[in-house]
Structure formats: C-alpha cells, structure tokens
Amino acid sequence: MKYTKARLTFTPGALPFLLKAFGHSMTENGVILNPTGEIALTPEGEELTKDNFGGFKKGSIQLLKKDLLTAIKLTEGSY
C-alpha cells in the first residue's frame, strides 16, 4: 500500500486556534508566546509574530518562520 503525505493550509484567521491547540498564544500586537508566556523564537533566535509565522515543524512543536532560509534548512534536513 502506498502512502501519500497530506498538507494542510490554513487561513490567517485560524492562527489563534492553531496556536492554542499547541499551548501557545498571541498578544494583541501579534507577537507569538510560548506556553510559559515568553516570546516564541525561531531556531535562529528571532521573535515570531503573526506576520512571519510559517508553521510547526513536522513531528514537533517547534515554530518556524516563513522565509527562504527556513525553507532551505527544512529541505536540507538542518531542522
């Protein structure tokens, strides 16, 4: 039996729901907070906001930024 990978795409309005499902939240200014209430950071240490949120890494709750560097590192397996 052959398996295929599924990809889900969400509208920007779904972000608060998704964050809550993973224990995260967002301030009124759009800054994403981790479950302890601290500002969520990318693997490079950059602040995550609703505007640069790219998604969750498969198999973890690591948050990713939507940019070319993140896409390259995911492709290379660096994340």
PDB file of N, CA and C in Angstrom:
ATOM      1  N   MET A   1       0.842  -1.170   0.000  1.00  0.00           N
ATOM      2  CA  MET A   1       0.000   0.000   0.000  1.00  0.00           C
ATOM      3  C   MET A   1       0.890   1.238   0.000  1.00  0.00           C
ATOM      4  N   LYS A   2       0.615   2.157  -0.872  1.00  0.00           N
ATOM      5  CA  LYS A   2       1.392   3.384  -0.975  1.00  0.00           C
ATOM      6  C   LYS A   2       0.731   4.485  -0.147  1.00  0.00           C
ATOM      7  N   TYR A   3       1.553   5.194   0.639  1.00  0.00           N
ATOM      8  CA  TYR A   3       1.052   6.297   1.456  1.00  0.00           C
ATOM      9  C   TYR A   3       1.494   7.616   0.848  1.00  0.00           C
ATOM     10  N   THR A   4       0.641   8.596   0.946  1.00  0.00           N
ATOM     11  CA  THR A   4       0.999   9.934   0.494  1.00  0.00           C
ATOM     12  C   THR A   4       0.949  10.872   1.676  1.00  0.00           C
ATOM     13  N   LYS A   5       1.724  11.939   1.602  1.00  0.00           N
ATOM     14  CA  LYS A   5       1.743  12.925   2.672  1.00  0.00           C
ATOM     15  C   LYS A   5       0.627  13.927   2.454  1.00  0.00           C
ATOM     16  N   ALA A   6      -0.001  14.310   3.528  1.00  0.00           N
ATOM     17  CA  ALA A   6      -1.059  15.325   3.463  1.00  0.00           C
ATOM     18  C   ALA A   6      -0.471  16.670   3.846  1.00  0.00           C
ATOM     19  N   ARG A   7      -0.983  17.711   3.255  1.00  0.00           N
ATOM     20  CA  ARG A   7      -0.561  19.062   3.578  1.00  0.00           C
ATOM     21  C   ARG A   7      -1.812  19.867   3.888  1.00  0.00           C
ATOM     22  N   LEU A   8      -1.798  20.539   5.009  1.00  0.00           N
ATOM     23  CA  LEU A   8      -2.923  21.370   5.405  1.00  0.00           C
ATOM     24  C   LEU A   8      -2.540  22.830   5.287  1.00  0.00           C
ATOM     25  N   THR A   9      -3.424  23.623   4.748  1.00  0.00           N
ATOM     26  CA  THR A   9      -3.215  25.056   4.641  1.00  0.00           C
ATOM     27  C   THR A   9      -4.336  25.751   5.382  1.00  0.00           C
ATOM     28  N   PHE A  10      -3.981  26.735   6.197  1.00  0.00           N
ATOM     29  CA  PHE A  10      -4.951  27.442   6.999  1.00  0.00           C
ATOM     30  C   PHE A  10      -4.988  28.916   6.627  1.00  0.00           C
ATOM     31  N   THR A  11      -6.141  29.519   6.798  1.00  0.00           N
ATOM     32  CA  THR A  11      -6.259  30.952   6.573  1.00  0.00           C
ATOM     33  C   THR A  11      -5.633  31.683   7.758  1.00  0.00           C
ATOM     34  N   PRO A  12      -5.226  32.948   7.587  1.00  0.00           N
ATOM     35  CA  PRO A  12      -4.635  33.700   8.699  1.00  0.00           C
ATOM     36  C   PRO A  12      -5.538  33.764   9.932  1.00  0.00           C
ATOM     37  N   GLY A  13      -6.842  33.744   9.742  1.00  0.00           N
ATOM     38  CA  GLY A  13      -7.766  33.792  10.863  1.00  0.00           C
ATOM     39  C   GLY A  13      -7.726  32.553  11.749  1.00  0.00           C
ATOM     40  N   ALA A  14      -7.153  31.469  11.250  1.00  0.00           N
ATOM     41  CA  ALA A  14      -7.065  30.230  12.021  1.00  0.00           C
ATOM     42  C   ALA A  14      -5.862  30.206  12.959  1.00  0.00           C
ATOM     43  N   LEU A  15      -4.959  31.171  12.835  1.00  0.00           N
ATOM     44  CA  LEU A  15      -3.733  31.153  13.627  1.00  0.00           C
ATOM     45  C   LEU A  15      -3.984  31.109  15.133  1.00  0.00           C
ATOM     46  N   PRO A  16      -4.855  31.935  15.698  1.00  0.00           N
ATOM     47  CA  PRO A  16      -5.075  31.837  17.151  1.00  0.00           C
ATOM     48  C   PRO A  16      -5.543  30.439  17.589  1.00  0.00           C
ATOM     49  N   PHE A  17      -6.395  29.816  16.795  1.00  0.00           N
ATOM     50  CA  PHE A  17      -6.873  28.467  17.104  1.00  0.00           C
ATOM     51  C   PHE A  17      -5.724  27.462  17.077  1.00  0.00           C
ATOM     52  N   LEU A  18      -4.879  27.530  16.048  1.00  0.00           N
ATOM     53  CA  LEU A  18      -3.749  26.609  15.939  1.00  0.00           C
ATOM     54  C   LEU A  18      -2.764  26.797  17.080  1.00  0.00           C
ATOM     55  N   LEU A  19      -2.459  28.043  17.394  1.00  0.00           N
ATOM     56  CA  LEU A  19      -1.527  28.308  18.487  1.00  0.00           C
ATOM     57  C   LEU A  19      -2.069  27.749  19.801  1.00  0.00           C
ATOM     58  N   LYS A  20      -3.338  27.975  20.048  1.00  0.00           N
ATOM     59  CA  LYS A  20      -3.960  27.482  21.286  1.00  0.00           C
ATOM     60  C   LYS A  20      -3.911  25.956  21.346  1.00  0.00           C
ATOM     61  N   ALA A  21      -4.124  25.301  20.213  1.00  0.00           N
ATOM     62  CA  ALA A  21      -4.096  23.839  20.169  1.00  0.00           C
ATOM     63  C   ALA A  21      -2.735  23.287  20.578  1.00  0.00           C
ATOM     64  N   PHE A  22      -1.673  24.069  20.371  1.00  0.00           N
ATOM     65  CA  PHE A  22      -0.324  23.647  20.728  1.00  0.00           C
ATOM     66  C   PHE A  22       0.183  24.350  21.986  1.00  0.00           C
ATOM     67  N   GLY A  23      -0.733  24.983  22.739  1.00  0.00           N
ATOM     68  CA  GLY A  23      -0.366  25.601  24.003  1.00  0.00           C
ATOM     69  C   GLY A  23       0.237  26.979  23.903  1.00  0.00           C
ATOM     70  N   HIS A  24       0.241  27.549  22.712  1.00  0.00           N
ATOM     71  CA  HIS A  24       0.816  28.875  22.503  1.00  0.00           C
ATOM     72  C   HIS A  24      -0.307  29.919  22.488  1.00  0.00           C
ATOM     73  N   SER A  25       0.077  31.181  22.466  1.00  0.00           N
ATOM     74  CA  SER A  25      -0.903  32.257  22.389  1.00  0.00           C
ATOM     75  C   SER A  25      -0.300  33.420  21.602  1.00  0.00           C
ATOM     76  N   MET A  26      -1.086  34.482  21.463  1.00  0.00           N
ATOM     77  CA  MET A  26      -0.633  35.635  20.691  1.00  0.00           C
ATOM     78  C   MET A  26      -1.105  36.906  21.403  1.00  0.00           C
ATOM     79  N   THR A  27      -0.236  37.913  21.466  1.00  0.00           N
ATOM     80  CA  THR A  27      -0.608  39.182  22.072  1.00  0.00           C
ATOM     81  C   THR A  27      -1.481  39.979  21.111  1.00  0.00           C
ATOM     82  N   GLU A  28      -2.040  41.081  21.597  1.00  0.00           N
ATOM     83  CA  GLU A  28      -2.850  41.952  20.738  1.00  0.00           C
ATOM     84  C   GLU A  28      -2.027  42.535  19.597  1.00  0.00           C
ATOM     85  N   ASN A  29      -0.708  42.639  19.790  1.00  0.00           N
ATOM     86  CA  ASN A  29       0.183  43.177  18.752  1.00  0.00           C
ATOM     87  C   ASN A  29       0.642  42.113  17.762  1.00  0.00           C
ATOM     88  N   GLY A  30       0.213  40.871  17.962  1.00  0.00           N
ATOM     89  CA  GLY A  30       0.564  39.806  17.025  1.00  0.00           C
ATOM     90  C   GLY A  30       1.834  39.056  17.356  1.00  0.00           C
ATOM     91  N   VAL A  31       2.414  39.294  18.533  1.00  0.00           N
ATOM     92  CA  VAL A  31       3.618  38.568  18.945  1.00  0.00           C
ATOM     93  C   VAL A  31       3.183  37.207  19.494  1.00  0.00           C
ATOM     94  N   ILE A  32       3.854  36.153  19.051  1.00  0.00           N
ATOM     95  CA  ILE A  32       3.505  34.796  19.471  1.00  0.00           C
ATOM     96  C   ILE A  32       4.248  34.458  20.753  1.00  0.00           C
ATOM     97  N   LEU A  33       3.510  33.879  21.706  1.00  0.00           N
ATOM     98  CA  LEU A  33       4.065  33.499  23.002  1.00  0.00           C
ATOM     99  C   LEU A  33       4.069  31.988  23.144  1.00  0.00           C
ATOM    100  N   ASN A  34       5.104  31.469  23.791  1.00  0.00           N
ATOM    101  CA  ASN A  34       5.160  30.026  24.030  1.00  0.00           C
ATOM    102  C   ASN A  34       4.301  29.674  25.237  1.00  0.00           C
ATOM    103  N   PRO A  35       4.168  28.398  25.587  1.00  0.00           N
ATOM    104  CA  PRO A  35       3.288  28.010  26.693  1.00  0.00           C
ATOM    105  C   PRO A  35       3.634  28.639  28.046  1.00  0.00           C
ATOM    106  N   THR A  36       4.876  29.073  28.243  1.00  0.00           N
ATOM    107  CA  THR A  36       5.260  29.700  29.507  1.00  0.00           C
ATOM    108  C   THR A  36       5.019  31.202  29.504  1.00  0.00           C
ATOM    109  N   GLY A  37       4.503  31.734  28.381  1.00  0.00           N
ATOM    110  CA  GLY A  37       4.215  33.163  28.291  1.00  0.00           C
ATOM    111  C   GLY A  37       5.373  34.003  27.791  1.00  0.00           C
ATOM    112  N   GLU A  38       6.480  33.357  27.446  1.00  0.00           N
ATOM    113  CA  GLU A  38       7.630  34.078  26.892  1.00  0.00           C
ATOM    114  C   GLU A  38       7.468  34.203  25.383  1.00  0.00           C
ATOM    115  N   ILE A  39       8.144  35.176  24.800  1.00  0.00           N
ATOM    116  CA  ILE A  39       8.079  35.368  23.349  1.00  0.00           C
ATOM    117  C   ILE A  39       8.658  34.138  22.653  1.00  0.00           C
ATOM    118  N   ALA A  40       7.909  33.592  21.702  1.00  0.00           N
ATOM    119  CA  ALA A  40       8.366  32.435  20.937  1.00  0.00           C
ATOM    120  C   ALA A  40       9.444  32.874  19.958  1.00  0.00           C
ATOM    121  N   LEU A  41      10.482  32.060  19.846  1.00  0.00           N
ATOM    122  CA  LEU A  41      11.613  32.376  18.984  1.00  0.00           C
ATOM    123  C   LEU A  41      11.804  31.304  17.923  1.00  0.00           C
ATOM    124  N   THR A  42      12.349  31.713  16.779  1.00  0.00           N
ATOM    125  CA  THR A  42      12.725  30.768  15.736  1.00  0.00           C
ATOM    126  C   THR A  42      13.965  30.013  16.199  1.00  0.00           C
ATOM    127  N   PRO A  43      14.375  28.954  15.496  1.00  0.00           N
ATOM    128  CA  PRO A  43      15.619  28.265  15.856  1.00  0.00           C
ATOM    129  C   PRO A  43      16.834  29.191  15.818  1.00  0.00           C
ATOM    130  N   GLU A  44      16.745  30.293  15.064  1.00  0.00           N
ATOM    131  CA  GLU A  44      17.846  31.264  14.989  1.00  0.00           C
ATOM    132  C   GLU A  44      17.744  32.334  16.071  1.00  0.00           C
ATOM    133  N   GLY A  45      16.699  32.257  16.908  1.00  0.00           N
ATOM    134  CA  GLY A  45      16.547  33.219  17.991  1.00  0.00           C
ATOM    135  C   GLY A  45      15.780  34.476  17.636  1.00  0.00           C
ATOM    136  N   GLU A  46      15.067  34.458  16.505  1.00  0.00           N
ATOM    137  CA  GLU A  46      14.289  35.623  16.088  1.00  0.00           C
ATOM    138  C   GLU A  46      12.872  35.556  16.656  1.00  0.00           C
ATOM    139  N   GLU A  47      12.320  36.708  17.000  1.00  0.00           N
ATOM    140  CA  GLU A  47      10.959  36.801  17.523  1.00  0.00           C
ATOM    141  C   GLU A  47       9.955  36.411  16.443  1.00  0.00           C
ATOM    142  N   LEU A  48       8.962  35.618  16.843  1.00  0.00           N
ATOM    143  CA  LEU A  48       7.913  35.217  15.912  1.00  0.00           C
ATOM    144  C   LEU A  48       6.665  36.069  16.110  1.00  0.00           C
ATOM    145  N   THR A  49       6.098  36.501  15.004  1.00  0.00           N
ATOM    146  CA  THR A  49       4.863  37.267  15.017  1.00  0.00           C
ATOM    147  C   THR A  49       3.873  36.619  14.066  1.00  0.00           C
ATOM    148  N   LYS A  50       2.644  37.104  14.089  1.00  0.00           N
ATOM    149  CA  LYS A  50       1.639  36.553  13.168  1.00  0.00           C
ATOM    150  C   LYS A  50       2.035  36.784  11.719  1.00  0.00           C
ATOM    151  N   ASP A  51       2.834  37.807  11.457  1.00  0.00           N
ATOM    152  CA  ASP A  51       3.222  38.131  10.086  1.00  0.00           C
ATOM    153  C   ASP A  51       4.354  37.262   9.554  1.00  0.00           C
ATOM    154  N   ASN A  52       5.206  36.733  10.442  1.00  0.00           N
ATOM    155  CA  ASN A  52       6.310  35.911   9.938  1.00  0.00           C
ATOM    156  C   ASN A  52       6.204  34.447  10.367  1.00  0.00           C
ATOM    157  N   PHE A  53       5.067  34.062  10.954  1.00  0.00           N
ATOM    158  CA  PHE A  53       4.856  32.671  11.357  1.00  0.00           C
ATOM    159  C   PHE A  53       4.711  31.802  10.118  1.00  0.00           C
ATOM    160  N   GLY A  54       5.515  30.747  10.051  1.00  0.00           N
ATOM    161  CA  GLY A  54       5.480  29.863   8.893  1.00  0.00           C
ATOM    162  C   GLY A  54       4.846  28.515   9.149  1.00  0.00           C
ATOM    163  N   GLY A  55       4.759  28.109  10.395  1.00  0.00           N
ATOM    164  CA  GLY A  55       4.146  26.828  10.711  1.00  0.00           C
ATOM    165  C   GLY A  55       4.885  26.101  11.804  1.00  0.00           C
ATOM    166  N   PHE A  56       4.480  24.858  12.012  1.00  0.00           N
ATOM    167  CA  PHE A  56       5.089  23.992  13.004  1.00  0.00           C
ATOM    168  C   PHE A  56       5.918  22.953  12.271  1.00  0.00           C
ATOM    169  N   LYS A  57       7.068  22.623  12.826  1.00  0.00           N
ATOM    170  CA  LYS A  57       7.888  21.572  12.223  1.00  0.00           C
ATOM    171  C   LYS A  57       7.201  20.233  12.431  1.00  0.00           C
ATOM    172  N   LYS A  58       7.183  19.418  11.411  1.00  0.00           N
ATOM    173  CA  LYS A  58       6.559  18.098  11.473  1.00  0.00           C
ATOM    174  C   LYS A  58       7.192  17.276  12.586  1.00  0.00           C
ATOM    175  N   GLY A  59       6.341  16.689  13.403  1.00  0.00           N
ATOM    176  CA  GLY A  59       6.814  15.823  14.471  1.00  0.00           C
ATOM    177  C   GLY A  59       7.258  16.542  15.726  1.00  0.00           C
ATOM    178  N   SER A  60       7.018  17.842  15.805  1.00  0.00           N
ATOM    179  CA  SER A  60       7.414  18.592  16.994  1.00  0.00           C
ATOM    180  C   SER A  60       6.500  19.792  17.150  1.00  0.00           C
ATOM    181  N   ILE A  61       6.768  20.576  18.175  1.00  0.00           N
ATOM    182  CA  ILE A  61       6.035  21.832  18.323  1.00  0.00           C
ATOM    183  C   ILE A  61       6.974  23.012  18.108  1.00  0.00           C
ATOM    184  N   GLN A  62       8.069  22.761  17.392  1.00  0.00           N
ATOM    185  CA  GLN A  62       8.983  23.837  17.064  1.00  0.00           C
ATOM    186  C   GLN A  62       8.303  24.763  16.052  1.00  0.00           C
ATOM    187  N   LEU A  63       8.306  26.059  16.345  1.00  0.00           N
ATOM    188  CA  LEU A  63       7.685  27.028  15.458  1.00  0.00           C
ATOM    189  C   LEU A  63       8.685  27.488  14.414  1.00  0.00           C
ATOM    190  N   LEU A  64       8.197  27.704  13.211  1.00  0.00           N
ATOM    191  CA  LEU A  64       9.067  28.091  12.111  1.00  0.00           C
ATOM    192  C   LEU A  64       8.635  29.412  11.498  1.00  0.00           C
ATOM    193  N   LYS A  65       9.614  30.128  11.006  1.00  0.00           N
ATOM    194  CA  LYS A  65       9.390  31.404  10.337  1.00  0.00           C
ATOM    195  C   LYS A  65       9.129  31.140   8.857  1.00  0.00           C
ATOM    196  N   LYS A  66       8.325  31.994   8.236  1.00  0.00           N
ATOM    197  CA  LYS A  66       8.097  31.820   6.800  1.00  0.00           C
ATOM    198  C   LYS A  66       9.084  32.708   6.045  1.00  0.00           C
ATOM    199  N   ASP A  67      10.198  32.101   5.680  1.00  0.00           N
ATOM    200  CA  ASP A  67      11.214  32.807   4.905  1.00  0.00           C
ATOM    201  C   ASP A  67      12.038  31.789   4.121  1.00  0.00           C
ATOM    202  N   LEU A  68      12.866  32.280   3.243  1.00  0.00           N
ATOM    203  CA  LEU A  68      13.654  31.409   2.368  1.00  0.00           C
ATOM    204  C   LEU A  68      14.652  30.567   3.154  1.00  0.00           C
ATOM    205  N   LEU A  69      15.317  31.139   4.146  1.00  0.00           N
ATOM    206  CA  LEU A  69      16.290  30.390   4.926  1.00  0.00           C
ATOM    207  C   LEU A  69      15.652  29.186   5.607  1.00  0.00           C
ATOM    208  N   THR A  70      14.475  29.368   6.182  1.00  0.00           N
ATOM    209  CA  THR A  70      13.780  28.258   6.834  1.00  0.00           C
ATOM    210  C   THR A  70      13.434  27.177   5.812  1.00  0.00           C
ATOM    211  N   ALA A  71      12.941  27.576   4.649  1.00  0.00           N
ATOM    212  CA  ALA A  71      12.604  26.612   3.603  1.00  0.00           C
ATOM    213  C   ALA A  71      13.832  25.813   3.168  1.00  0.00           C
ATOM    214  N   ILE A  72      14.955  26.491   3.022  1.00  0.00           N
ATOM    215  CA  ILE A  72      16.194  25.811   2.619  1.00  0.00           C
ATOM    216  C   ILE A  72      16.629  24.818   3.693  1.00  0.00           C
ATOM    217  N   LYS A  73      16.608  25.252   4.959  1.00  0.00           N
ATOM    218  CA  LYS A  73      17.047  24.366   6.040  1.00  0.00           C
ATOM    219  C   LYS A  73      16.124  23.155   6.185  1.00  0.00           C
ATOM    220  N   LEU A  74      14.831  23.332   5.976  1.00  0.00           N
ATOM    221  CA  LEU A  74      13.914  22.191   6.019  1.00  0.00           C
ATOM    222  C   LEU A  74      14.216  21.213   4.895  1.00  0.00           C
ATOM    223  N   THR A  75      14.496  21.733   3.712  1.00  0.00           N
ATOM    224  CA  THR A  75      14.814  20.898   2.560  1.00  0.00           C
ATOM    225  C   THR A  75      16.113  20.124   2.777  1.00  0.00           C
ATOM    226  N   GLU A  76      17.102  20.800   3.365  1.00  0.00           N
ATOM    227  CA  GLU A  76      18.396  20.161   3.614  1.00  0.00           C
ATOM    228  C   GLU A  76      18.364  19.198   4.795  1.00  0.00           C
ATOM    229  N   GLY A  77      17.314  19.288   5.607  1.00  0.00           N
ATOM    230  CA  GLY A  77      17.254  18.461   6.806  1.00  0.00           C
ATOM    231  C   GLY A  77      17.989  19.059   7.983  1.00  0.00           C
ATOM    232  N   SER A  78      18.286  20.360   7.926  1.00  0.00           N
ATOM    233  CA  SER A  78      19.005  21.019   9.013  1.00  0.00           C
ATOM    234  C   SER A  78      18.112  21.276  10.224  1.00  0.00           C
ATOM    235  N   TYR A  79      16.806  21.229  10.053  1.00  0.00           N
ATOM    236  CA  TYR A  79      15.886  21.412  11.178  1.00  0.00           C
ATOM    237  C   TYR A  79      15.309  20.076  11.549  1.00  0.00           C
TER     238      TYR A  79
END
